[in-house]
Amino acid sequence: MSPSTPDRNRLEPGSIQLSRVSMHFRTFARRSGLLGAIRDLFRREYTVVKALDCISLEIERGEVVG
């Protein structure tokens, strides 16, 4: 590596880097009615909600995010 080429794997002091961040939540899918509530006691069904899906972010020193 030449001295003029920055090393992308090294972070400068004060910089923040996130790479391929994902956050998924499981939410309980409720059935309607009394019979549905009884079924939910024994067999729960979930749906997945994606809050973040493969997000990358880099904030250099001195940058303002807001």
C-alpha atoms as a PDB file:
ATOM      1  CA  MET A   1       0.000   0.000   0.000  1.00  0.00           C
ATOM      2  CA  SER A   2       1.377   3.389  -0.970  1.00  0.00           C
ATOM      3  CA  PRO A   3       1.529   6.186   1.621  1.00  0.00           C
ATOM      4  CA  SER A   4      -0.960   8.314  -0.365  1.00  0.00           C
ATOM      5  CA  THR A   5      -3.667   5.603  -0.406  1.00  0.00           C
ATOM      6  CA  PRO A   6      -5.822   5.571   2.769  1.00  0.00           C
ATOM      7  CA  ASP A   7      -6.371   2.233   4.459  1.00  0.00           C
ATOM      8  CA  ARG A   8     -10.167   1.688   4.504  1.00  0.00           C
ATOM      9  CA  ASN A   9      -9.885  -0.884   7.313  1.00  0.00           C
ATOM     10  CA  ARG A  10      -8.240   1.575   9.721  1.00  0.00           C
ATOM     11  CA  LEU A  11     -10.474   4.127  11.392  1.00  0.00           C
ATOM     12  CA  GLU A  12      -9.322   7.613  12.174  1.00  0.00           C
ATOM     13  CA  PRO A  13      -9.748   8.640  15.820  1.00  0.00           C
ATOM     14  CA  GLY A  14     -13.257   9.977  16.299  1.00  0.00           C
ATOM     15  CA  SER A  15     -14.839   8.295  13.261  1.00  0.00           C
ATOM     16  CA  ILE A  16     -17.764   5.852  13.364  1.00  0.00           C
ATOM     17  CA  GLN A  17     -18.318   3.047  10.860  1.00  0.00           C
ATOM     18  CA  LEU A  18     -21.196   0.555  10.672  1.00  0.00           C
ATOM     19  CA  SER A  19     -21.279  -2.152   8.047  1.00  0.00           C
ATOM     20  CA  ARG A  20     -24.266  -4.340   7.052  1.00  0.00           C
ATOM     21  CA  VAL A  21     -26.327  -3.704  10.204  1.00  0.00           C
ATOM     22  CA  SER A  22     -29.712  -5.440  10.405  1.00  0.00           C
ATOM     23  CA  MET A  23     -32.381  -5.411  13.104  1.00  0.00           C
ATOM     24  CA  HIS A  24     -35.440  -7.630  12.884  1.00  0.00           C
ATOM     25  CA  PHE A  25     -38.259  -8.003  15.421  1.00  0.00           C
ATOM     26  CA  ARG A  26     -40.716 -10.849  15.826  1.00  0.00           C
ATOM     27  CA  THR A  27     -44.241  -9.669  16.559  1.00  0.00           C
ATOM     28  CA  PHE A  28     -47.034 -11.888  17.793  1.00  0.00           C
ATOM     29  CA  ALA A  29     -49.868 -12.227  15.255  1.00  0.00           C
ATOM     30  CA  ARG A  30     -53.113 -12.535  17.243  1.00  0.00           C
ATOM     31  CA  ARG A  31     -56.161 -14.334  15.970  1.00  0.00           C
ATOM     32  CA  SER A  32     -59.568 -12.770  16.456  1.00  0.00           C
ATOM     33  CA  GLY A  33     -62.321 -14.071  18.719  1.00  0.00           C
ATOM     34  CA  LEU A  34     -62.427 -16.344  21.757  1.00  0.00           C
ATOM     35  CA  LEU A  35     -61.540 -19.473  19.789  1.00  0.00           C
ATOM     36  CA  GLY A  36     -58.575 -17.646  18.247  1.00  0.00           C
ATOM     37  CA  ALA A  37     -57.359 -16.582  21.701  1.00  0.00           C
ATOM     38  CA  ILE A  38     -57.514 -20.200  22.918  1.00  0.00           C
ATOM     39  CA  ARG A  39     -55.600 -21.387  19.840  1.00  0.00           C
ATOM     40  CA  ASP A  40     -52.961 -18.717  20.458  1.00  0.00           C
ATOM     41  CA  LEU A  41     -52.255 -20.243  23.870  1.00  0.00           C
ATOM     42  CA  PHE A  42     -50.997 -23.427  22.220  1.00  0.00           C
ATOM     43  CA  ARG A  43     -49.810 -22.373  18.785  1.00  0.00           C
ATOM     44  CA  ARG A  44     -48.419 -18.879  18.301  1.00  0.00           C
ATOM     45  CA  GLU A  45     -47.707 -17.364  14.938  1.00  0.00           C
ATOM     46  CA  TYR A  46     -45.198 -14.585  14.454  1.00  0.00           C
ATOM     47  CA  THR A  47     -44.483 -12.074  11.733  1.00  0.00           C
ATOM     48  CA  VAL A  48     -41.052 -10.539  11.210  1.00  0.00           C
ATOM     49  CA  VAL A  49     -40.752  -6.757  11.039  1.00  0.00           C
ATOM     50  CA  LYS A  50     -37.518  -5.423   9.537  1.00  0.00           C
ATOM     51  CA  ALA A  51     -36.481  -2.212  11.267  1.00  0.00           C
ATOM     52  CA  LEU A  52     -33.078  -2.091   9.525  1.00  0.00           C
ATOM     53  CA  ASP A  53     -32.037  -4.290   6.638  1.00  0.00           C
ATOM     54  CA  CYS A  54     -28.340  -4.324   5.687  1.00  0.00           C
ATOM     55  CA  ILE A  55     -27.535  -0.656   6.398  1.00  0.00           C
ATOM     56  CA  SER A  56     -23.980   0.690   6.123  1.00  0.00           C
ATOM     57  CA  LEU A  57     -22.916   4.047   7.546  1.00  0.00           C
ATOM     58  CA  GLU A  58     -19.681   5.981   7.970  1.00  0.00           C
ATOM     59  CA  ILE A  59     -19.359   9.228   9.907  1.00  0.00           C
ATOM     60  CA  GLU A  60     -16.034  11.021   9.720  1.00  0.00           C
ATOM     61  CA  ARG A  61     -14.587  13.167  12.452  1.00  0.00           C
ATOM     62  CA  GLY A  62     -16.165  16.618  12.437  1.00  0.00           C
ATOM     63  CA  GLU A  63     -19.300  15.597  10.516  1.00  0.00           C
ATOM     64  CA  VAL A  64     -22.651  16.545  12.050  1.00  0.00           C
ATOM     65  CA  VAL A  65     -25.573  14.108  11.807  1.00  0.00           C
ATOM     66  CA  GLY A  66     -29.008  15.237  12.747  1.00  0.00           C
END
